[in-house]
C-alpha atoms as a PDB file:
ATOM      1  CA  UNK A   1       0.000   0.000   0.000  1.00  0.00           C
ATOM      2  CA  UNK A   2       1.360   3.404  -0.899  1.00  0.00           C
ATOM      3  CA  UNK A   3       1.023   6.401   1.362  1.00  0.00           C
ATOM      4  CA  UNK A   4       1.411  10.110   0.709  1.00  0.00           C
ATOM      5  CA  UNK A   5       1.914  12.374   3.699  1.00  0.00           C
ATOM      6  CA  UNK A   6       2.912  15.950   4.401  1.00  0.00           C
ATOM      7  CA  UNK A   7       6.322  16.679   5.843  1.00  0.00           C
ATOM      8  CA  UNK A   8       6.295  17.579   9.509  1.00  0.00           C
ATOM      9  CA  UNK A   9       3.804  14.899  10.565  1.00  0.00           C
ATOM     10  CA  UNK A  10       5.229  13.152  13.630  1.00  0.00           C
ATOM     11  CA  UNK A  11       4.313   9.575  14.435  1.00  0.00           C
ATOM     12  CA  UNK A  12       4.587   9.009  18.196  1.00  0.00           C
ATOM     13  CA  UNK A  13       5.065   5.353  19.151  1.00  0.00           C
ATOM     14  CA  UNK A  14       4.196   4.730  22.773  1.00  0.00           C
ATOM     15  CA  UNK A  15       5.242   1.892  25.029  1.00  0.00           C
ATOM     16  CA  UNK A  16       3.337   2.061  28.299  1.00  0.00           C
ATOM     17  CA  UNK A  17       5.567  -0.428  30.106  1.00  0.00           C
ATOM     18  CA  UNK A  18       7.824   1.185  32.694  1.00  0.00           C
ATOM     19  CA  UNK A  19      11.067   1.086  30.762  1.00  0.00           C
ATOM     20  CA  UNK A  20      12.873   3.067  33.422  1.00  0.00           C
ATOM     21  CA  UNK A  21      12.325   0.343  36.009  1.00  0.00           C
ATOM     22  CA  UNK A  22      15.113  -2.037  36.869  1.00  0.00           C
ATOM     23  CA  UNK A  23      14.664  -5.455  35.289  1.00  0.00           C
ATOM     24  CA  UNK A  24      16.130  -7.384  38.180  1.00  0.00           C
ATOM     25  CA  UNK A  25      14.243 -10.622  37.683  1.00  0.00           C
ATOM     26  CA  UNK A  26      11.593 -12.084  35.413  1.00  0.00           C
ATOM     27  CA  UNK A  27       8.395 -13.665  36.673  1.00  0.00           C
ATOM     28  CA  UNK A  28       8.750 -16.506  34.165  1.00  0.00           C
ATOM     29  CA  UNK A  29      11.372 -17.803  31.752  1.00  0.00           C
ATOM     30  CA  UNK A  30       9.650 -18.465  28.444  1.00  0.00           C
ATOM     31  CA  UNK A  31      10.343 -21.251  25.972  1.00  0.00           C
ATOM     32  CA  UNK A  32      10.154 -20.956  22.192  1.00  0.00           C
ATOM     33  CA  UNK A  33       6.595 -21.430  20.850  1.00  0.00           C
ATOM     34  CA  UNK A  34       5.141 -22.073  24.317  1.00  0.00           C
ATOM     35  CA  UNK A  35       2.283 -19.954  25.651  1.00  0.00           C
ATOM     36  CA  UNK A  36       2.415 -18.358  29.099  1.00  0.00           C
ATOM     37  CA  UNK A  37      -0.502 -16.648  30.802  1.00  0.00           C
ATOM     38  CA  UNK A  38      -0.793 -13.620  33.029  1.00  0.00           C
ATOM     39  CA  UNK A  39      -2.974 -10.657  33.897  1.00  0.00           C
ATOM     40  CA  UNK A  40      -2.428  -7.014  34.660  1.00  0.00           C
ATOM     41  CA  UNK A  41      -4.276  -7.019  37.985  1.00  0.00           C
ATOM     42  CA  UNK A  42      -7.441  -8.111  39.749  1.00  0.00           C
ATOM     43  CA  UNK A  43     -10.891  -6.761  40.658  1.00  0.00           C
ATOM     44  CA  UNK A  44     -11.430  -6.916  44.401  1.00  0.00           C
ATOM     45  CA  UNK A  45     -14.047  -6.160  47.012  1.00  0.00           C
ATOM     46  CA  UNK A  46     -12.072  -3.560  48.962  1.00  0.00           C
ATOM     47  CA  UNK A  47     -14.770  -2.622  51.491  1.00  0.00           C
ATOM     48  CA  UNK A  48     -16.055  -6.193  51.947  1.00  0.00           C
ATOM     49  CA  UNK A  49     -19.657  -5.361  50.997  1.00  0.00           C
ATOM     50  CA  UNK A  50     -19.977  -8.186  48.492  1.00  0.00           C
ATOM     51  CA  UNK A  51     -19.313  -6.035  45.412  1.00  0.00           C
ATOM     52  CA  UNK A  52     -16.112  -5.783  43.396  1.00  0.00           C
ATOM     53  CA  UNK A  53     -15.426  -2.079  43.660  1.00  0.00           C
ATOM     54  CA  UNK A  54     -11.670  -1.659  43.074  1.00  0.00           C
ATOM     55  CA  UNK A  55      -9.151  -2.568  40.413  1.00  0.00           C
ATOM     56  CA  UNK A  56      -5.798  -3.550  41.868  1.00  0.00           C
ATOM     57  CA  UNK A  57      -2.944  -3.307  39.336  1.00  0.00           C
ATOM     58  CA  UNK A  58      -0.061  -5.754  39.426  1.00  0.00           C
ATOM     59  CA  UNK A  59       2.192  -3.258  37.642  1.00  0.00           C
ATOM     60  CA  UNK A  60       4.629  -4.517  35.027  1.00  0.00           C
ATOM     61  CA  UNK A  61       5.342  -8.230  34.656  1.00  0.00           C
ATOM     62  CA  UNK A  62       8.557  -9.407  33.020  1.00  0.00           C
ATOM     63  CA  UNK A  63       9.109 -12.609  31.064  1.00  0.00           C
ATOM     64  CA  UNK A  64      12.650 -13.704  30.317  1.00  0.00           C
ATOM     65  CA  UNK A  65      13.757 -14.997  26.894  1.00  0.00           C
ATOM     66  CA  UNK A  66      17.087 -16.532  25.933  1.00  0.00           C
ATOM     67  CA  UNK A  67      17.981 -16.097  22.248  1.00  0.00           C
ATOM     68  CA  UNK A  68      20.592 -18.627  21.036  1.00  0.00           C
ATOM     69  CA  UNK A  69      21.713 -16.840  17.844  1.00  0.00           C
ATOM     70  CA  UNK A  70      20.982 -14.021  15.413  1.00  0.00           C
ATOM     71  CA  UNK A  71      17.471 -13.950  13.983  1.00  0.00           C
ATOM     72  CA  UNK A  72      14.029 -12.550  14.662  1.00  0.00           C
ATOM     73  CA  UNK A  73      11.055 -13.305  16.891  1.00  0.00           C
ATOM     74  CA  UNK A  74       7.320 -13.061  16.345  1.00  0.00           C
ATOM     75  CA  UNK A  75       5.445 -12.350  19.586  1.00  0.00           C
ATOM     76  CA  UNK A  76       1.763 -13.351  19.626  1.00  0.00           C
ATOM     77  CA  UNK A  77      -0.680 -12.045  22.224  1.00  0.00           C
ATOM     78  CA  UNK A  78      -4.298 -12.966  22.995  1.00  0.00           C
ATOM     79  CA  UNK A  79      -6.267 -10.951  25.545  1.00  0.00           C
ATOM     80  CA  UNK A  80      -9.523 -11.387  27.467  1.00  0.00           C
ATOM     81  CA  UNK A  81     -11.415  -9.889  30.401  1.00  0.00           C
ATOM     82  CA  UNK A  82     -10.124 -10.325  33.906  1.00  0.00           C
ATOM     83  CA  UNK A  83     -12.698 -12.215  36.050  1.00  0.00           C
ATOM     84  CA  UNK A  84     -14.878  -9.744  37.924  1.00  0.00           C
ATOM     85  CA  UNK A  85     -14.716  -6.961  35.327  1.00  0.00           C
ATOM     86  CA  UNK A  86     -18.435  -7.099  34.473  1.00  0.00           C
ATOM     87  CA  UNK A  87     -19.310  -6.965  38.165  1.00  0.00           C
ATOM     88  CA  UNK A  88     -16.909  -4.038  38.644  1.00  0.00           C
ATOM     89  CA  UNK A  89     -18.376  -2.178  35.638  1.00  0.00           C
ATOM     90  CA  UNK A  90     -21.898  -2.710  36.950  1.00  0.00           C
ATOM     91  CA  UNK A  91     -20.866  -1.306  40.325  1.00  0.00           C
ATOM     92  CA  UNK A  92     -19.216   1.737  38.733  1.00  0.00           C
ATOM     93  CA  UNK A  93     -22.289   2.459  36.558  1.00  0.00           C
ATOM     94  CA  UNK A  94     -25.077   1.685  39.034  1.00  0.00           C
ATOM     95  CA  UNK A  95     -25.528   5.296  40.158  1.00  0.00           C
ATOM     96  CA  UNK A  96     -25.936   6.890  36.712  1.00  0.00           C
ATOM     97  CA  UNK A  97     -27.426   3.917  34.898  1.00  0.00           C
ATOM     98  CA  UNK A  98     -24.982   4.336  32.017  1.00  0.00           C
ATOM     99  CA  UNK A  99     -23.077   1.548  30.362  1.00  0.00           C
ATOM    100  CA  UNK A 100     -19.531   2.621  29.537  1.00  0.00           C
ATOM    101  CA  UNK A 101     -17.485   1.109  26.733  1.00  0.00           C
ATOM    102  CA  UNK A 102     -14.905  -1.479  27.648  1.00  0.00           C
ATOM    103  CA  UNK A 103     -11.582   0.383  27.566  1.00  0.00           C
ATOM    104  CA  UNK A 104      -9.394  -2.369  29.040  1.00  0.00           C
ATOM    105  CA  UNK A 105      -6.073  -2.819  27.262  1.00  0.00           C
ATOM    106  CA  UNK A 106      -2.710  -4.570  27.333  1.00  0.00           C
ATOM    107  CA  UNK A 107       0.686  -3.280  26.202  1.00  0.00           C
ATOM    108  CA  UNK A 108       3.737  -5.476  25.643  1.00  0.00           C
ATOM    109  CA  UNK A 109       7.303  -4.488  24.839  1.00  0.00           C
ATOM    110  CA  UNK A 110      10.351  -6.578  24.073  1.00  0.00           C
ATOM    111  CA  UNK A 111      13.410  -5.207  25.863  1.00  0.00           C
ATOM    112  CA  UNK A 112      17.007  -6.211  25.331  1.00  0.00           C
ATOM    113  CA  UNK A 113      19.418  -6.711  28.246  1.00  0.00           C
ATOM    114  CA  UNK A 114      20.060  -2.939  28.301  1.00  0.00           C
ATOM    115  CA  UNK A 115      16.309  -2.257  28.679  1.00  0.00           C
ATOM    116  CA  UNK A 116      16.101  -0.806  25.166  1.00  0.00           C
ATOM    117  CA  UNK A 117      12.797  -1.421  23.407  1.00  0.00           C
ATOM    118  CA  UNK A 118      13.152  -3.463  20.205  1.00  0.00           C
ATOM    119  CA  UNK A 119       9.490  -4.218  19.532  1.00  0.00           C
ATOM    120  CA  UNK A 120       6.038  -3.568  20.980  1.00  0.00           C
ATOM    121  CA  UNK A 121       2.283  -3.785  20.537  1.00  0.00           C
ATOM    122  CA  UNK A 122      -0.819  -2.460  22.277  1.00  0.00           C
ATOM    123  CA  UNK A 123      -4.581  -2.727  21.852  1.00  0.00           C
ATOM    124  CA  UNK A 124      -5.134   0.530  23.709  1.00  0.00           C
ATOM    125  CA  UNK A 125      -6.553   2.219  20.601  1.00  0.00           C
ATOM    126  CA  UNK A 126      -7.863  -0.755  18.622  1.00  0.00           C
ATOM    127  CA  UNK A 127      -9.562  -2.862  21.276  1.00  0.00           C
ATOM    128  CA  UNK A 128      -8.424  -6.020  19.439  1.00  0.00           C
ATOM    129  CA  UNK A 129      -8.162  -9.256  21.387  1.00  0.00           C
ATOM    130  CA  UNK A 130      -5.296 -10.612  19.236  1.00  0.00           C
ATOM    131  CA  UNK A 131      -2.023  -8.822  18.473  1.00  0.00           C
ATOM    132  CA  UNK A 132       1.482  -9.563  17.321  1.00  0.00           C
ATOM    133  CA  UNK A 133       4.787  -7.838  16.815  1.00  0.00           C
ATOM    134  CA  UNK A 134       8.209  -8.754  15.480  1.00  0.00           C
ATOM    135  CA  UNK A 135      11.747  -7.954  16.561  1.00  0.00           C
ATOM    136  CA  UNK A 136      15.204  -8.487  15.094  1.00  0.00           C
ATOM    137  CA  UNK A 137      17.394 -10.048  17.769  1.00  0.00           C
ATOM    138  CA  UNK A 138      20.966 -11.069  18.443  1.00  0.00           C
ATOM    139  CA  UNK A 139      22.190 -13.772  20.785  1.00  0.00           C
ATOM    140  CA  UNK A 140      21.445 -12.795  24.361  1.00  0.00           C
ATOM    141  CA  UNK A 141      18.864 -12.219  27.062  1.00  0.00           C
ATOM    142  CA  UNK A 142      15.607 -10.371  26.397  1.00  0.00           C
ATOM    143  CA  UNK A 143      12.500  -9.553  28.409  1.00  0.00           C
ATOM    144  CA  UNK A 144       8.865  -9.173  27.478  1.00  0.00           C
ATOM    145  CA  UNK A 145       7.338  -6.447  29.666  1.00  0.00           C
ATOM    146  CA  UNK A 146       3.552  -6.707  30.013  1.00  0.00           C
ATOM    147  CA  UNK A 147       1.225  -4.165  31.576  1.00  0.00           C
ATOM    148  CA  UNK A 148      -2.491  -3.399  31.481  1.00  0.00           C
ATOM    149  CA  UNK A 149      -5.875  -4.429  32.857  1.00  0.00           C
ATOM    150  CA  UNK A 150      -6.651  -7.625  30.954  1.00  0.00           C
ATOM    151  CA  UNK A 151      -5.804 -11.298  31.062  1.00  0.00           C
ATOM    152  CA  UNK A 152      -3.372 -12.351  28.360  1.00  0.00           C
ATOM    153  CA  UNK A 153      -1.621 -15.293  26.746  1.00  0.00           C
ATOM    154  CA  UNK A 154       1.737 -14.600  25.124  1.00  0.00           C
ATOM    155  CA  UNK A 155       4.295 -16.650  23.228  1.00  0.00           C
ATOM    156  CA  UNK A 156       7.289 -15.974  21.044  1.00  0.00           C
ATOM    157  CA  UNK A 157       8.456 -17.859  17.973  1.00  0.00           C
ATOM    158  CA  UNK A 158      12.140 -17.586  17.117  1.00  0.00           C
ATOM    159  CA  UNK A 159      13.601 -17.983  13.616  1.00  0.00           C
ATOM    160  CA  UNK A 160      17.355 -17.930  13.075  1.00  0.00           C
ATOM    161  CA  UNK A 161      18.903 -15.897  10.248  1.00  0.00           C
ATOM    162  CA  UNK A 162      22.443 -17.142   9.796  1.00  0.00           C
ATOM    163  CA  UNK A 163      23.369 -14.882   6.874  1.00  0.00           C
ATOM    164  CA  UNK A 164      22.135 -11.462   5.840  1.00  0.00           C
ATOM    165  CA  UNK A 165      22.676  -9.560   2.611  1.00  0.00           C
ATOM    166  CA  UNK A 166      24.956  -6.572   2.361  1.00  0.00           C
ATOM    167  CA  UNK A 167      23.154  -3.233   2.537  1.00  0.00           C
ATOM    168  CA  UNK A 168      24.322   0.362   2.387  1.00  0.00           C
ATOM    169  CA  UNK A 169      24.135   2.544   5.473  1.00  0.00           C
ATOM    170  CA  UNK A 170      23.535   5.702   3.427  1.00  0.00           C
ATOM    171  CA  UNK A 171      22.392   6.720  -0.044  1.00  0.00           C
ATOM    172  CA  UNK A 172      25.989   7.330  -1.063  1.00  0.00           C
ATOM    173  CA  UNK A 173      26.914   3.802   0.010  1.00  0.00           C
ATOM    174  CA  UNK A 174      23.861   2.079  -1.511  1.00  0.00           C
ATOM    175  CA  UNK A 175      24.510  -1.526  -2.591  1.00  0.00           C
ATOM    176  CA  UNK A 176      23.685  -2.687  -6.121  1.00  0.00           C
ATOM    177  CA  UNK A 177      20.486  -4.712  -6.411  1.00  0.00           C
ATOM    178  CA  UNK A 178      20.677  -7.302  -9.179  1.00  0.00           C
ATOM    179  CA  UNK A 179      17.555  -8.281 -11.089  1.00  0.00           C
ATOM    180  CA  UNK A 180      16.292 -11.674  -9.953  1.00  0.00           C
ATOM    181  CA  UNK A 181      18.470 -11.749  -6.832  1.00  0.00           C
ATOM    182  CA  UNK A 182      16.873 -11.956  -3.379  1.00  0.00           C
ATOM    183  CA  UNK A 183      17.924  -9.702  -0.514  1.00  0.00           C
ATOM    184  CA  UNK A 184      17.534 -11.129   3.005  1.00  0.00           C
ATOM    185  CA  UNK A 185      18.029  -8.742   5.897  1.00  0.00           C
ATOM    186  CA  UNK A 186      17.302  -8.005   9.514  1.00  0.00           C
ATOM    187  CA  UNK A 187      15.937  -4.484   9.893  1.00  0.00           C
ATOM    188  CA  UNK A 188      16.498  -2.556  13.096  1.00  0.00           C
ATOM    189  CA  UNK A 189      14.575   0.587  14.049  1.00  0.00           C
ATOM    190  CA  UNK A 190      16.228   3.849  12.931  1.00  0.00           C
ATOM    191  CA  UNK A 191      18.950   1.974  11.005  1.00  0.00           C
ATOM    192  CA  UNK A 192      17.940   2.478   7.382  1.00  0.00           C
ATOM    193  CA  UNK A 193      19.242   0.234   4.601  1.00  0.00           C
ATOM    194  CA  UNK A 194      19.978   1.381   1.046  1.00  0.00           C
ATOM    195  CA  UNK A 195      20.152  -0.302  -2.360  1.00  0.00           C
ATOM    196  CA  UNK A 196      20.309   0.960  -5.934  1.00  0.00           C
ATOM    197  CA  UNK A 197      19.419  -0.319  -9.403  1.00  0.00           C
ATOM    198  CA  UNK A 198      19.544   1.020 -12.947  1.00  0.00           C
ATOM    199  CA  UNK A 199      16.732   1.120 -15.502  1.00  0.00           C
ATOM    200  CA  UNK A 200      18.150   1.443 -19.049  1.00  0.00           C
ATOM    201  CA  UNK A 201      14.869   2.478 -20.614  1.00  0.00           C
ATOM    202  CA  UNK A 202      11.406   3.423 -19.411  1.00  0.00           C
ATOM    203  CA  UNK A 203       9.855   0.293 -17.956  1.00  0.00           C
ATOM    204  CA  UNK A 204       7.625  -1.126 -15.274  1.00  0.00           C
ATOM    205  CA  UNK A 205       9.500  -2.589 -12.324  1.00  0.00           C
ATOM    206  CA  UNK A 206       8.221  -4.842  -9.551  1.00  0.00           C
ATOM    207  CA  UNK A 207       9.853  -5.417  -6.176  1.00  0.00           C
ATOM    208  CA  UNK A 208       8.548  -8.451  -4.292  1.00  0.00           C
ATOM    209  CA  UNK A 209       8.657  -8.445  -0.479  1.00  0.00           C
ATOM    210  CA  UNK A 210       8.078 -10.768   2.409  1.00  0.00           C
ATOM    211  CA  UNK A 211       8.112  -8.287   5.263  1.00  0.00           C
ATOM    212  CA  UNK A 212       8.052  -9.642   8.791  1.00  0.00           C
ATOM    213  CA  UNK A 213       8.141  -6.205  10.396  1.00  0.00           C
ATOM    214  CA  UNK A 214       5.084  -5.710  12.588  1.00  0.00           C
ATOM    215  CA  UNK A 215       3.969  -3.741  15.631  1.00  0.00           C
ATOM    216  CA  UNK A 216       3.661  -0.109  16.658  1.00  0.00           C
ATOM    217  CA  UNK A 217       1.111   2.285  15.197  1.00  0.00           C
ATOM    218  CA  UNK A 218       2.171   1.768  11.569  1.00  0.00           C
ATOM    219  CA  UNK A 219       2.524  -2.040  11.758  1.00  0.00           C
ATOM    220  CA  UNK A 220       4.727  -2.346   8.654  1.00  0.00           C
ATOM    221  CA  UNK A 221       8.082  -1.417   7.124  1.00  0.00           C
ATOM    222  CA  UNK A 222       8.560   1.549   4.812  1.00  0.00           C
ATOM    223  CA  UNK A 223      10.064   1.654   1.320  1.00  0.00           C
ATOM    224  CA  UNK A 224      11.014   4.771  -0.624  1.00  0.00           C
ATOM    225  CA  UNK A 225      12.322   5.144  -4.180  1.00  0.00           C
ATOM    226  CA  UNK A 226      14.661   8.058  -4.869  1.00  0.00           C
ATOM    227  CA  UNK A 227      16.634   9.457  -7.787  1.00  0.00           C
ATOM    228  CA  UNK A 228      19.662  11.743  -7.664  1.00  0.00           C
ATOM    229  CA  UNK A 229      19.083  15.227  -9.047  1.00  0.00           C
ATOM    230  CA  UNK A 230      22.197  17.364  -8.969  1.00  0.00           C
ATOM    231  CA  UNK A 231      23.640  17.102  -5.488  1.00  0.00           C
ATOM    232  CA  UNK A 232      20.479  15.891  -3.782  1.00  0.00           C
ATOM    233  CA  UNK A 233      18.205  12.853  -3.773  1.00  0.00           C
ATOM    234  CA  UNK A 234      14.488  13.205  -4.476  1.00  0.00           C
ATOM    235  CA  UNK A 235      11.689  10.739  -3.844  1.00  0.00           C
ATOM    236  CA  UNK A 236       9.690   9.429  -6.780  1.00  0.00           C
ATOM    237  CA  UNK A 237       6.150   8.050  -6.888  1.00  0.00           C
ATOM    238  CA  UNK A 238       4.718   5.007  -8.690  1.00  0.00           C
ATOM    239  CA  UNK A 239       4.789   6.910 -11.998  1.00  0.00           C
ATOM    240  CA  UNK A 240       8.441   7.844 -11.627  1.00  0.00           C
ATOM    241  CA  UNK A 241       7.650  11.495 -10.980  1.00  0.00           C
ATOM    242  CA  UNK A 242       9.668  13.368  -8.381  1.00  0.00           C
ATOM    243  CA  UNK A 243       7.790  14.327  -5.231  1.00  0.00           C
ATOM    244  CA  UNK A 244       7.647  17.871  -3.887  1.00  0.00           C
ATOM    245  CA  UNK A 245      10.135  18.637  -1.118  1.00  0.00           C
ATOM    246  CA  UNK A 246       7.145  19.577   1.066  1.00  0.00           C
ATOM    247  CA  UNK A 247       5.650  16.098   0.741  1.00  0.00           C
ATOM    248  CA  UNK A 248       6.839  12.569   1.388  1.00  0.00           C
ATOM    249  CA  UNK A 249       5.941   9.429  -0.534  1.00  0.00           C
ATOM    250  CA  UNK A 250       6.479   5.870   0.614  1.00  0.00           C
ATOM    251  CA  UNK A 251       5.097   2.352   0.371  1.00  0.00           C
ATOM    252  CA  UNK A 252       4.058   0.273   3.373  1.00  0.00           C
ATOM    253  CA  UNK A 253       5.144  -3.366   3.136  1.00  0.00           C
ATOM    254  CA  UNK A 254       3.500  -6.030   5.289  1.00  0.00           C
ATOM    255  CA  UNK A 255       3.786  -9.779   4.780  1.00  0.00           C
ATOM    256  CA  UNK A 256       3.898 -10.921   1.166  1.00  0.00           C
ATOM    257  CA  UNK A 257       3.576  -7.653  -0.680  1.00  0.00           C
ATOM    258  CA  UNK A 258       4.881  -5.872  -3.767  1.00  0.00           C
ATOM    259  CA  UNK A 259       5.854  -2.467  -5.054  1.00  0.00           C
ATOM    260  CA  UNK A 260       5.120  -1.653  -8.693  1.00  0.00           C
ATOM    261  CA  UNK A 261       6.318   1.512 -10.438  1.00  0.00           C
ATOM    262  CA  UNK A 262       6.815   2.731 -13.997  1.00  0.00           C
ATOM    263  CA  UNK A 263      10.207   4.429 -14.126  1.00  0.00           C
ATOM    264  CA  UNK A 264      12.050   6.405 -16.817  1.00  0.00           C
ATOM    265  CA  UNK A 265      15.659   5.556 -17.618  1.00  0.00           C
ATOM    266  CA  UNK A 266      18.002   6.235 -14.703  1.00  0.00           C
ATOM    267  CA  UNK A 267      19.568   4.962 -11.498  1.00  0.00           C
ATOM    268  CA  UNK A 268      17.178   4.620  -8.586  1.00  0.00           C
ATOM    269  CA  UNK A 269      17.792   4.203  -4.886  1.00  0.00           C
ATOM    270  CA  UNK A 270      15.782   2.148  -2.401  1.00  0.00           C
ATOM    271  CA  UNK A 271      15.478   3.181   1.218  1.00  0.00           C
ATOM    272  CA  UNK A 272      14.238   0.362   3.489  1.00  0.00           C
ATOM    273  CA  UNK A 273      13.352   1.426   6.998  1.00  0.00           C
ATOM    274  CA  UNK A 274      11.076   1.098   9.961  1.00  0.00           C
ATOM    275  CA  UNK A 275      10.097   3.362  12.817  1.00  0.00           C
ATOM    276  CA  UNK A 276      11.412   3.792  16.335  1.00  0.00           C
ATOM    277  CA  UNK A 277      10.635   0.832  18.545  1.00  0.00           C
ATOM    278  CA  UNK A 278      10.075  -1.516  15.587  1.00  0.00           C
ATOM    279  CA  UNK A 279      12.311  -4.128  14.004  1.00  0.00           C
ATOM    280  CA  UNK A 280      12.124  -7.407  12.111  1.00  0.00           C
ATOM    281  CA  UNK A 281      13.154  -9.304   8.996  1.00  0.00           C
ATOM    282  CA  UNK A 282      12.408  -8.967   5.302  1.00  0.00           C
ATOM    283  CA  UNK A 283      13.235 -10.342   1.887  1.00  0.00           C
ATOM    284  CA  UNK A 284      13.178  -8.279  -1.324  1.00  0.00           C
ATOM    285  CA  UNK A 285      13.532  -9.370  -4.941  1.00  0.00           C
ATOM    286  CA  UNK A 286      13.577  -7.339  -8.145  1.00  0.00           C
ATOM    287  CA  UNK A 287      11.327  -9.454 -10.326  1.00  0.00           C
END
């Protein structure tokens, strides 16, 4: 899917888990592909009158993960009501007779051993009962931090990536993309990757993706096409036309997806990126 936005729009990715807290110990050590369960708190009868009148938060729960080698993880989450919520809601609404919408939510973040967020998801805005996010990982210890006011089941699935393709760290150092060759790369948040290819005459090009980069508000990875004009690089759209400096043009890639553009003769640059707090794995092939 292609997106056109105006420059200056800021996407704020929130992780509600208390990242500043010391991760001294995890409640549970998780195993690959195995579900664990938890909940953000409990509804209690604080004044002992037979009615659940208070929500007691358990704060942030931490789940330890050991990653054996370089690769990526997919974290799946399923949420449901904490027992007693309906009774609590009825108590809270009994005076005004109104029925409020269920605003319960769960937020999960994957933290590395230095407490840096490498992936996250939340249903705070969507209300969905199922979520997932991805994260590129290296060998080491990680933690899933969970917080909210729902019950949840969570698991991670690890896939090793023994070799990754070479990618440029800047437009000037973009790596040549050969037609028919497949790029395989781990993509870390705020560490863009660059490639370039040459079109010898006006033609339609197709880039095929399998993008395992999920989570956050945008829930995808971004792809831009650029061409060098004088001493600067300008974005181009699906018709090969340069985009105004006041605008920005990019494609969102999620799962098995493709980018199609009709481009005049020239050398074009690919910027592959994701947003802060997101990471994952992708493949790309110039068909």
